[in-house]
């Protein structure tokens, strides 16, 4: 009997697929675990930080590795590890709040537009297009400048420019789901608009919306850090990663760790958020 090479290679491909699938699953679980860990660190920053954010904890300009100061101190003698942890709290929780609010507002508008159709859909999507046509960073800067620099005003500004993206995503998903046979069958069976939305459209929209939101946290963190770097965040001496980087840029050549620690922390937060979003995407698709 002659056995083809394709038949012999099939078990190998199957095993390889299983191994890759296991690795993807393990990577997704690890990424989600990192997301949960960073959230826990942000929530309990005051527990993990060795000193209060604004406390004078040692001599000014201590290098990394100094006794009691793993990341050193800044020019005022404040512990950089403590300020980084409180900066993580501000950036991470603010990003989660903006994404949640944007998903709630934008998702609701997209759900109404996609489920209603007709004039309501047209009006809501033209409003959304109007927001999308504006340069989001400049609009956020203008809003904060008009309201005055503060963390709350920064959150308001970024939230105002962030919701339209979710409106587009949800509206597209709802329009695609509305054309499927099971939704049409429910409509012909006499299901009302509210029942159609809650039982047949909303459950199908949630997975893609969660994935989009999780992958967006890193972008929000970078946006908040950029506004803070420009001086549009909380005023000193509040611990904000972007602001701490900007305020200490003059020390880059002499005491490089003072601006580098908060800058690297921003990069790590964005990286963890992006990888976690990919992990959540893998986990949702596997289900």
C-alpha atoms as a PDB file:
ATOM      1  CA  UNK A   1       0.000   0.000   0.000  1.00  0.00           C
ATOM      2  CA  UNK A   2       1.346   3.445  -0.946  1.00  0.00           C
ATOM      3  CA  UNK A   3       0.808   6.167   1.633  1.00  0.00           C
ATOM      4  CA  UNK A   4       1.031   9.725   0.389  1.00  0.00           C
ATOM      5  CA  UNK A   5       3.263  12.294   2.042  1.00  0.00           C
ATOM      6  CA  UNK A   6       0.195  14.400   2.844  1.00  0.00           C
ATOM      7  CA  UNK A   7      -1.291  11.586   4.921  1.00  0.00           C
ATOM      8  CA  UNK A   8       1.981  11.067   6.788  1.00  0.00           C
ATOM      9  CA  UNK A   9       2.321  14.804   7.435  1.00  0.00           C
ATOM     10  CA  UNK A  10      -1.251  15.185   8.737  1.00  0.00           C
ATOM     11  CA  UNK A  11      -0.515  13.983  12.309  1.00  0.00           C
ATOM     12  CA  UNK A  12       2.510  16.273  12.440  1.00  0.00           C
ATOM     13  CA  UNK A  13       0.423  19.247  11.391  1.00  0.00           C
ATOM     14  CA  UNK A  14      -2.217  18.309  13.947  1.00  0.00           C
ATOM     15  CA  UNK A  15       0.336  18.130  16.759  1.00  0.00           C
ATOM     16  CA  UNK A  16       1.895  21.390  15.637  1.00  0.00           C
ATOM     17  CA  UNK A  17      -1.502  23.048  15.602  1.00  0.00           C
ATOM     18  CA  UNK A  18      -2.221  21.811  19.103  1.00  0.00           C
ATOM     19  CA  UNK A  19       1.121  23.072  20.393  1.00  0.00           C
ATOM     20  CA  UNK A  20       0.610  26.486  18.796  1.00  0.00           C
ATOM     21  CA  UNK A  21      -2.920  26.613  20.133  1.00  0.00           C
ATOM     22  CA  UNK A  22      -1.669  25.824  23.636  1.00  0.00           C
ATOM     23  CA  UNK A  23       1.010  28.500  23.350  1.00  0.00           C
ATOM     24  CA  UNK A  24      -1.534  31.064  22.163  1.00  0.00           C
ATOM     25  CA  UNK A  25      -3.834  30.169  25.035  1.00  0.00           C
ATOM     26  CA  UNK A  26      -0.988  30.374  27.553  1.00  0.00           C
ATOM     27  CA  UNK A  27       0.064  33.731  26.113  1.00  0.00           C
ATOM     28  CA  UNK A  28      -3.502  35.023  26.308  1.00  0.00           C
ATOM     29  CA  UNK A  29      -3.847  33.937  29.936  1.00  0.00           C
ATOM     30  CA  UNK A  30      -0.488  35.540  30.787  1.00  0.00           C
ATOM     31  CA  UNK A  31      -1.481  38.791  29.077  1.00  0.00           C
ATOM     32  CA  UNK A  32      -4.808  38.921  30.890  1.00  0.00           C
ATOM     33  CA  UNK A  33      -2.977  38.155  34.147  1.00  0.00           C
ATOM     34  CA  UNK A  34      -0.651  41.103  33.501  1.00  0.00           C
ATOM     35  CA  UNK A  35      -3.687  43.320  32.943  1.00  0.00           C
ATOM     36  CA  UNK A  36      -5.186  42.221  36.261  1.00  0.00           C
ATOM     37  CA  UNK A  37      -1.828  42.659  38.040  1.00  0.00           C
ATOM     38  CA  UNK A  38      -1.345  46.230  36.787  1.00  0.00           C
ATOM     39  CA  UNK A  39      -4.914  47.040  37.789  1.00  0.00           C
ATOM     40  CA  UNK A  40      -4.239  45.696  41.296  1.00  0.00           C
ATOM     41  CA  UNK A  41      -1.025  47.741  41.527  1.00  0.00           C
ATOM     42  CA  UNK A  42      -2.914  50.844  40.422  1.00  0.00           C
ATOM     43  CA  UNK A  43      -5.717  50.301  42.917  1.00  0.00           C
ATOM     44  CA  UNK A  44      -3.351  49.668  45.832  1.00  0.00           C
ATOM     45  CA  UNK A  45      -0.488  51.991  44.905  1.00  0.00           C
ATOM     46  CA  UNK A  46      -0.526  53.509  48.387  1.00  0.00           C
ATOM     47  CA  UNK A  47       0.104  50.026  49.825  1.00  0.00           C
ATOM     48  CA  UNK A  48       2.949  49.109  47.466  1.00  0.00           C
ATOM     49  CA  UNK A  49       4.669  52.513  47.468  1.00  0.00           C
ATOM     50  CA  UNK A  50       7.329  52.807  50.176  1.00  0.00           C
ATOM     51  CA  UNK A  51       6.685  56.557  50.623  1.00  0.00           C
ATOM     52  CA  UNK A  52       3.883  59.038  49.931  1.00  0.00           C
ATOM     53  CA  UNK A  53       4.095  60.561  46.462  1.00  0.00           C
ATOM     54  CA  UNK A  54       5.092  64.039  47.634  1.00  0.00           C
ATOM     55  CA  UNK A  55       7.185  63.092  50.669  1.00  0.00           C
ATOM     56  CA  UNK A  56      10.828  64.133  50.924  1.00  0.00           C
ATOM     57  CA  UNK A  57      12.268  60.654  51.429  1.00  0.00           C
ATOM     58  CA  UNK A  58      16.020  61.186  51.056  1.00  0.00           C
ATOM     59  CA  UNK A  59      18.798  63.330  49.697  1.00  0.00           C
ATOM     60  CA  UNK A  60      18.171  64.964  46.315  1.00  0.00           C
ATOM     61  CA  UNK A  61      19.451  63.155  43.223  1.00  0.00           C
ATOM     62  CA  UNK A  62      20.235  59.757  44.713  1.00  0.00           C
ATOM     63  CA  UNK A  63      21.058  57.283  41.910  1.00  0.00           C
ATOM     64  CA  UNK A  64      19.146  54.027  41.314  1.00  0.00           C
ATOM     65  CA  UNK A  65      20.112  51.258  43.728  1.00  0.00           C
ATOM     66  CA  UNK A  66      20.624  53.593  46.670  1.00  0.00           C
ATOM     67  CA  UNK A  67      19.630  52.141  50.045  1.00  0.00           C
ATOM     68  CA  UNK A  68      15.864  52.512  50.448  1.00  0.00           C
ATOM     69  CA  UNK A  69      15.458  53.949  46.941  1.00  0.00           C
ATOM     70  CA  UNK A  70      15.495  51.336  44.168  1.00  0.00           C
ATOM     71  CA  UNK A  71      14.957  53.909  41.404  1.00  0.00           C
ATOM     72  CA  UNK A  72      16.707  56.744  43.207  1.00  0.00           C
ATOM     73  CA  UNK A  73      15.298  60.156  44.137  1.00  0.00           C
ATOM     74  CA  UNK A  74      14.512  63.289  42.175  1.00  0.00           C
ATOM     75  CA  UNK A  75      16.014  66.754  42.634  1.00  0.00           C
ATOM     76  CA  UNK A  76      13.658  67.366  45.550  1.00  0.00           C
ATOM     77  CA  UNK A  77      14.523  64.102  47.342  1.00  0.00           C
ATOM     78  CA  UNK A  78      11.229  62.356  46.507  1.00  0.00           C
ATOM     79  CA  UNK A  79      11.360  58.607  45.932  1.00  0.00           C
ATOM     80  CA  UNK A  80      11.034  57.826  42.221  1.00  0.00           C
ATOM     81  CA  UNK A  81       9.590  54.346  42.745  1.00  0.00           C
ATOM     82  CA  UNK A  82       6.789  55.778  44.856  1.00  0.00           C
ATOM     83  CA  UNK A  83       6.058  58.502  42.331  1.00  0.00           C
ATOM     84  CA  UNK A  84       6.097  55.949  39.501  1.00  0.00           C
ATOM     85  CA  UNK A  85       3.578  53.763  41.350  1.00  0.00           C
ATOM     86  CA  UNK A  86       1.259  56.686  42.017  1.00  0.00           C
ATOM     87  CA  UNK A  87       1.734  57.743  38.399  1.00  0.00           C
ATOM     88  CA  UNK A  88       0.673  54.237  37.322  1.00  0.00           C
ATOM     89  CA  UNK A  89      -2.411  54.636  39.482  1.00  0.00           C
ATOM     90  CA  UNK A  90      -3.312  57.928  37.817  1.00  0.00           C
ATOM     91  CA  UNK A  91      -2.584  56.864  34.247  1.00  0.00           C
ATOM     92  CA  UNK A  92      -3.993  53.330  34.363  1.00  0.00           C
ATOM     93  CA  UNK A  93      -7.229  54.073  36.228  1.00  0.00           C
ATOM     94  CA  UNK A  94      -7.801  57.214  34.158  1.00  0.00           C
ATOM     95  CA  UNK A  95      -7.337  55.244  30.940  1.00  0.00           C
ATOM     96  CA  UNK A  96      -9.758  52.551  32.105  1.00  0.00           C
ATOM     97  CA  UNK A  97     -12.317  55.214  33.060  1.00  0.00           C
ATOM     98  CA  UNK A  98     -12.032  56.949  29.675  1.00  0.00           C
ATOM     99  CA  UNK A  99     -12.323  53.692  27.742  1.00  0.00           C
ATOM    100  CA  UNK A 100     -15.305  52.574  29.834  1.00  0.00           C
ATOM    101  CA  UNK A 101     -17.075  55.909  29.411  1.00  0.00           C
ATOM    102  CA  UNK A 102     -16.286  56.060  25.695  1.00  0.00           C
ATOM    103  CA  UNK A 103     -17.540  52.510  25.194  1.00  0.00           C
ATOM    104  CA  UNK A 104     -20.710  53.235  27.163  1.00  0.00           C
ATOM    105  CA  UNK A 105     -21.575  56.465  25.339  1.00  0.00           C
ATOM    106  CA  UNK A 106     -20.286  55.523  21.906  1.00  0.00           C
ATOM    107  CA  UNK A 107     -21.638  51.980  22.148  1.00  0.00           C
ATOM    108  CA  UNK A 108     -25.101  53.213  23.129  1.00  0.00           C
ATOM    109  CA  UNK A 109     -25.198  55.678  20.234  1.00  0.00           C
ATOM    110  CA  UNK A 110     -23.947  53.040  17.798  1.00  0.00           C
ATOM    111  CA  UNK A 111     -26.485  50.521  19.083  1.00  0.00           C
ATOM    112  CA  UNK A 112     -29.356  52.971  18.653  1.00  0.00           C
ATOM    113  CA  UNK A 113     -28.149  54.019  15.194  1.00  0.00           C
ATOM    114  CA  UNK A 114     -27.646  50.485  13.907  1.00  0.00           C
ATOM    115  CA  UNK A 115     -30.878  49.128  15.350  1.00  0.00           C
ATOM    116  CA  UNK A 116     -33.050  52.069  14.266  1.00  0.00           C
ATOM    117  CA  UNK A 117     -31.795  52.731  10.762  1.00  0.00           C
ATOM    118  CA  UNK A 118     -33.374  55.419   8.610  1.00  0.00           C
ATOM    119  CA  UNK A 119     -33.184  59.044   9.660  1.00  0.00           C
ATOM    120  CA  UNK A 120     -32.092  58.310  13.221  1.00  0.00           C
ATOM    121  CA  UNK A 121     -29.130  56.338  11.914  1.00  0.00           C
ATOM    122  CA  UNK A 122     -28.259  59.078   9.439  1.00  0.00           C
ATOM    123  CA  UNK A 123     -28.427  61.900  11.980  1.00  0.00           C
ATOM    124  CA  UNK A 124     -26.436  60.064  14.666  1.00  0.00           C
ATOM    125  CA  UNK A 125     -23.739  58.921  12.263  1.00  0.00           C
ATOM    126  CA  UNK A 126     -23.365  62.384  10.727  1.00  0.00           C
ATOM    127  CA  UNK A 127     -22.803  63.786  14.222  1.00  0.00           C
ATOM    128  CA  UNK A 128     -20.260  61.039  14.822  1.00  0.00           C
ATOM    129  CA  UNK A 129     -18.545  61.820  11.518  1.00  0.00           C
ATOM    130  CA  UNK A 130     -18.350  65.456  12.552  1.00  0.00           C
ATOM    131  CA  UNK A 131     -16.418  64.527  15.696  1.00  0.00           C
ATOM    132  CA  UNK A 132     -14.205  62.114  13.760  1.00  0.00           C
ATOM    133  CA  UNK A 133     -13.387  64.830  11.209  1.00  0.00           C
ATOM    134  CA  UNK A 134     -11.891  67.030  13.919  1.00  0.00           C
ATOM    135  CA  UNK A 135      -8.238  66.496  14.880  1.00  0.00           C
ATOM    136  CA  UNK A 136      -8.722  64.689  18.190  1.00  0.00           C
ATOM    137  CA  UNK A 137      -5.404  65.700  19.875  1.00  0.00           C
ATOM    138  CA  UNK A 138      -5.845  69.363  19.023  1.00  0.00           C
ATOM    139  CA  UNK A 139      -9.466  69.302  20.144  1.00  0.00           C
ATOM    140  CA  UNK A 140      -8.452  67.728  23.456  1.00  0.00           C
ATOM    141  CA  UNK A 141      -5.733  70.348  23.955  1.00  0.00           C
ATOM    142  CA  UNK A 142      -8.214  73.140  23.167  1.00  0.00           C
ATOM    143  CA  UNK A 143     -10.777  71.773  25.632  1.00  0.00           C
ATOM    144  CA  UNK A 144      -8.228  71.465  28.454  1.00  0.00           C
ATOM    145  CA  UNK A 145      -6.842  74.913  27.687  1.00  0.00           C
ATOM    146  CA  UNK A 146     -10.363  76.371  27.829  1.00  0.00           C
ATOM    147  CA  UNK A 147     -11.317  74.589  31.061  1.00  0.00           C
ATOM    148  CA  UNK A 148      -7.921  74.954  32.743  1.00  0.00           C
ATOM    149  CA  UNK A 149      -5.176  72.415  33.453  1.00  0.00           C
ATOM    150  CA  UNK A 150      -6.299  69.637  35.798  1.00  0.00           C
ATOM    151  CA  UNK A 151      -6.642  65.871  35.731  1.00  0.00           C
ATOM    152  CA  UNK A 152     -10.453  66.057  35.679  1.00  0.00           C
ATOM    153  CA  UNK A 153     -10.453  68.445  32.725  1.00  0.00           C
ATOM    154  CA  UNK A 154      -7.998  66.203  30.877  1.00  0.00           C
ATOM    155  CA  UNK A 155     -10.270  63.205  31.421  1.00  0.00           C
ATOM    156  CA  UNK A 156     -13.267  65.189  30.162  1.00  0.00           C
ATOM    157  CA  UNK A 157     -11.375  66.346  27.087  1.00  0.00           C
ATOM    158  CA  UNK A 158     -10.111  62.904  26.110  1.00  0.00           C
ATOM    159  CA  UNK A 159     -13.525  61.329  26.758  1.00  0.00           C
ATOM    160  CA  UNK A 160     -15.184  63.857  24.440  1.00  0.00           C
ATOM    161  CA  UNK A 161     -12.904  62.937  21.530  1.00  0.00           C
ATOM    162  CA  UNK A 162     -12.800  59.174  22.194  1.00  0.00           C
ATOM    163  CA  UNK A 163     -16.415  57.938  22.024  1.00  0.00           C
ATOM    164  CA  UNK A 164     -16.933  58.263  18.219  1.00  0.00           C
ATOM    165  CA  UNK A 165     -14.568  55.346  17.509  1.00  0.00           C
ATOM    166  CA  UNK A 166     -16.755  52.979  19.506  1.00  0.00           C
ATOM    167  CA  UNK A 167     -19.876  54.322  17.834  1.00  0.00           C
ATOM    168  CA  UNK A 168     -18.482  53.315  14.447  1.00  0.00           C
ATOM    169  CA  UNK A 169     -17.484  49.850  15.666  1.00  0.00           C
ATOM    170  CA  UNK A 170     -20.772  49.060  17.388  1.00  0.00           C
ATOM    171  CA  UNK A 171     -22.931  50.469  14.607  1.00  0.00           C
ATOM    172  CA  UNK A 172     -21.122  48.310  12.037  1.00  0.00           C
ATOM    173  CA  UNK A 173     -21.520  45.198  14.182  1.00  0.00           C
ATOM    174  CA  UNK A 174     -25.212  45.876  14.780  1.00  0.00           C
ATOM    175  CA  UNK A 175     -25.859  46.452  11.076  1.00  0.00           C
ATOM    176  CA  UNK A 176     -24.157  43.150  10.245  1.00  0.00           C
ATOM    177  CA  UNK A 177     -26.058  41.253  12.948  1.00  0.00           C
ATOM    178  CA  UNK A 178     -29.391  42.752  11.904  1.00  0.00           C
ATOM    179  CA  UNK A 179     -29.047  41.131   8.477  1.00  0.00           C
ATOM    180  CA  UNK A 180     -28.533  37.624   9.859  1.00  0.00           C
ATOM    181  CA  UNK A 181     -31.283  35.002   9.576  1.00  0.00           C
ATOM    182  CA  UNK A 182     -31.901  34.508  13.291  1.00  0.00           C
ATOM    183  CA  UNK A 183     -32.541  38.232  13.809  1.00  0.00           C
ATOM    184  CA  UNK A 184     -34.841  38.356  10.790  1.00  0.00           C
ATOM    185  CA  UNK A 185     -36.661  35.274  12.088  1.00  0.00           C
ATOM    186  CA  UNK A 186     -37.135  36.910  15.487  1.00  0.00           C
ATOM    187  CA  UNK A 187     -38.464  40.041  13.805  1.00  0.00           C
ATOM    188  CA  UNK A 188     -40.961  38.027  11.734  1.00  0.00           C
ATOM    189  CA  UNK A 189     -42.014  36.164  14.874  1.00  0.00           C
ATOM    190  CA  UNK A 190     -43.175  39.454  16.360  1.00  0.00           C
ATOM    191  CA  UNK A 191     -40.239  40.391  18.604  1.00  0.00           C
ATOM    192  CA  UNK A 192     -40.352  44.058  19.518  1.00  0.00           C
ATOM    193  CA  UNK A 193     -37.463  46.527  19.034  1.00  0.00           C
ATOM    194  CA  UNK A 194     -36.349  46.316  22.673  1.00  0.00           C
ATOM    195  CA  UNK A 195     -36.385  42.523  22.630  1.00  0.00           C
ATOM    196  CA  UNK A 196     -34.428  42.425  19.377  1.00  0.00           C
ATOM    197  CA  UNK A 197     -31.764  44.731  20.771  1.00  0.00           C
ATOM    198  CA  UNK A 198     -31.401  43.086  24.182  1.00  0.00           C
ATOM    199  CA  UNK A 199     -31.699  39.433  23.153  1.00  0.00           C
ATOM    200  CA  UNK A 200     -30.290  39.280  19.625  1.00  0.00           C
ATOM    201  CA  UNK A 201     -28.121  42.330  18.884  1.00  0.00           C
ATOM    202  CA  UNK A 202     -26.447  43.352  22.149  1.00  0.00           C
ATOM    203  CA  UNK A 203     -25.000  39.892  22.997  1.00  0.00           C
ATOM    204  CA  UNK A 204     -23.367  39.725  19.573  1.00  0.00           C
ATOM    205  CA  UNK A 205     -21.844  43.204  19.925  1.00  0.00           C
ATOM    206  CA  UNK A 206     -20.286  42.765  23.374  1.00  0.00           C
ATOM    207  CA  UNK A 207     -17.286  40.534  22.413  1.00  0.00           C
ATOM    208  CA  UNK A 208     -15.985  42.777  19.621  1.00  0.00           C
ATOM    209  CA  UNK A 209     -16.605  45.882  21.740  1.00  0.00           C
ATOM    210  CA  UNK A 210     -14.654  44.462  24.688  1.00  0.00           C
ATOM    211  CA  UNK A 211     -11.772  43.523  22.397  1.00  0.00           C
ATOM    212  CA  UNK A 212     -11.693  46.987  20.800  1.00  0.00           C
ATOM    213  CA  UNK A 213     -11.795  48.674  24.209  1.00  0.00           C
ATOM    214  CA  UNK A 214      -9.041  46.480  25.662  1.00  0.00           C
ATOM    215  CA  UNK A 215      -6.779  47.196  22.700  1.00  0.00           C
ATOM    216  CA  UNK A 216      -7.406  50.925  23.117  1.00  0.00           C
ATOM    217  CA  UNK A 217      -6.161  51.316  26.691  1.00  0.00           C
ATOM    218  CA  UNK A 218      -2.549  51.721  25.563  1.00  0.00           C
ATOM    219  CA  UNK A 219      -3.489  54.532  23.172  1.00  0.00           C
ATOM    220  CA  UNK A 220      -5.361  56.367  25.910  1.00  0.00           C
ATOM    221  CA  UNK A 221      -2.377  56.049  28.264  1.00  0.00           C
ATOM    222  CA  UNK A 222      -0.086  57.606  25.657  1.00  0.00           C
ATOM    223  CA  UNK A 223      -2.602  60.390  24.974  1.00  0.00           C
ATOM    224  CA  UNK A 224      -2.915  61.219  28.665  1.00  0.00           C
ATOM    225  CA  UNK A 225       0.867  61.165  29.055  1.00  0.00           C
ATOM    226  CA  UNK A 226       1.250  63.520  26.079  1.00  0.00           C
ATOM    227  CA  UNK A 227      -1.258  66.019  27.498  1.00  0.00           C
ATOM    228  CA  UNK A 228       0.408  65.755  30.898  1.00  0.00           C
ATOM    229  CA  UNK A 229       3.818  66.277  29.269  1.00  0.00           C
ATOM    230  CA  UNK A 230       2.483  69.502  27.743  1.00  0.00           C
ATOM    231  CA  UNK A 231       1.466  70.717  31.203  1.00  0.00           C
ATOM    232  CA  UNK A 232      -2.265  70.100  30.769  1.00  0.00           C
ATOM    233  CA  UNK A 233      -2.624  67.526  33.536  1.00  0.00           C
ATOM    234  CA  UNK A 234      -2.714  67.864  37.285  1.00  0.00           C
ATOM    235  CA  UNK A 235      -0.496  70.666  38.593  1.00  0.00           C
ATOM    236  CA  UNK A 236       2.665  69.963  40.596  1.00  0.00           C
ATOM    237  CA  UNK A 237       3.452  68.237  42.887  1.00  0.00           C
ATOM    238  CA  UNK A 238       0.930  65.608  41.735  1.00  0.00           C
ATOM    239  CA  UNK A 239       2.534  62.383  40.534  1.00  0.00           C
ATOM    240  CA  UNK A 240       1.826  62.134  36.801  1.00  0.00           C
ATOM    241  CA  UNK A 241       4.170  60.210  34.541  1.00  0.00           C
ATOM    242  CA  UNK A 242       4.085  62.590  31.586  1.00  0.00           C
ATOM    243  CA  UNK A 243       4.377  65.677  33.764  1.00  0.00           C
ATOM    244  CA  UNK A 244       7.218  64.198  35.835  1.00  0.00           C
ATOM    245  CA  UNK A 245       9.110  63.470  32.627  1.00  0.00           C
ATOM    246  CA  UNK A 246       8.605  66.995  31.312  1.00  0.00           C
ATOM    247  CA  UNK A 247       9.462  68.756  34.585  1.00  0.00           C
ATOM    248  CA  UNK A 248      12.761  66.898  34.929  1.00  0.00           C
ATOM    249  CA  UNK A 249      14.053  67.014  31.355  1.00  0.00           C
ATOM    250  CA  UNK A 250      16.710  69.510  32.446  1.00  0.00           C
ATOM    251  CA  UNK A 251      18.253  66.747  34.575  1.00  0.00           C
ATOM    252  CA  UNK A 252      18.591  64.307  31.670  1.00  0.00           C
ATOM    253  CA  UNK A 253      22.323  64.841  31.152  1.00  0.00           C
ATOM    254  CA  UNK A 254      23.333  64.918  34.818  1.00  0.00           C
ATOM    255  CA  UNK A 255      20.775  62.732  36.633  1.00  0.00           C
ATOM    256  CA  UNK A 256      19.301  60.802  33.713  1.00  0.00           C
ATOM    257  CA  UNK A 257      17.167  58.490  35.878  1.00  0.00           C
ATOM    258  CA  UNK A 258      14.919  61.306  37.102  1.00  0.00           C
ATOM    259  CA  UNK A 259      13.107  61.871  33.753  1.00  0.00           C
ATOM    260  CA  UNK A 260      13.776  58.355  32.417  1.00  0.00           C
ATOM    261  CA  UNK A 261      11.966  56.424  35.187  1.00  0.00           C
ATOM    262  CA  UNK A 262       8.521  57.997  34.559  1.00  0.00           C
ATOM    263  CA  UNK A 263       9.080  57.933  30.782  1.00  0.00           C
ATOM    264  CA  UNK A 264       9.943  54.243  30.756  1.00  0.00           C
ATOM    265  CA  UNK A 265       6.967  53.559  33.043  1.00  0.00           C
ATOM    266  CA  UNK A 266       4.641  55.106  30.448  1.00  0.00           C
ATOM    267  CA  UNK A 267       6.145  52.885  27.765  1.00  0.00           C
ATOM    268  CA  UNK A 268       5.790  49.760  29.896  1.00  0.00           C
ATOM    269  CA  UNK A 269       2.174  50.576  30.747  1.00  0.00           C
ATOM    270  CA  UNK A 270       1.327  51.062  27.093  1.00  0.00           C
ATOM    271  CA  UNK A 271       3.118  47.820  26.171  1.00  0.00           C
ATOM    272  CA  UNK A 272       1.295  45.816  28.852  1.00  0.00           C
ATOM    273  CA  UNK A 273      -2.029  47.310  27.777  1.00  0.00           C
ATOM    274  CA  UNK A 274      -1.402  46.478  24.117  1.00  0.00           C
ATOM    275  CA  UNK A 275      -0.260  42.912  24.812  1.00  0.00           C
ATOM    276  CA  UNK A 276      -3.179  42.405  27.198  1.00  0.00           C
ATOM    277  CA  UNK A 277      -5.578  43.625  24.534  1.00  0.00           C
ATOM    278  CA  UNK A 278      -4.159  41.102  22.080  1.00  0.00           C
ATOM    279  CA  UNK A 279      -4.487  38.396  24.731  1.00  0.00           C
ATOM    280  CA  UNK A 280      -8.122  39.280  25.361  1.00  0.00           C
ATOM    281  CA  UNK A 281      -8.701  39.234  21.601  1.00  0.00           C
ATOM    282  CA  UNK A 282      -7.202  35.720  21.364  1.00  0.00           C
ATOM    283  CA  UNK A 283      -9.255  34.521  24.327  1.00  0.00           C
ATOM    284  CA  UNK A 284     -12.534  35.918  22.964  1.00  0.00           C
ATOM    285  CA  UNK A 285     -11.960  34.507  19.471  1.00  0.00           C
ATOM    286  CA  UNK A 286     -11.206  31.053  20.860  1.00  0.00           C
ATOM    287  CA  UNK A 287     -14.531  31.080  22.622  1.00  0.00           C
END
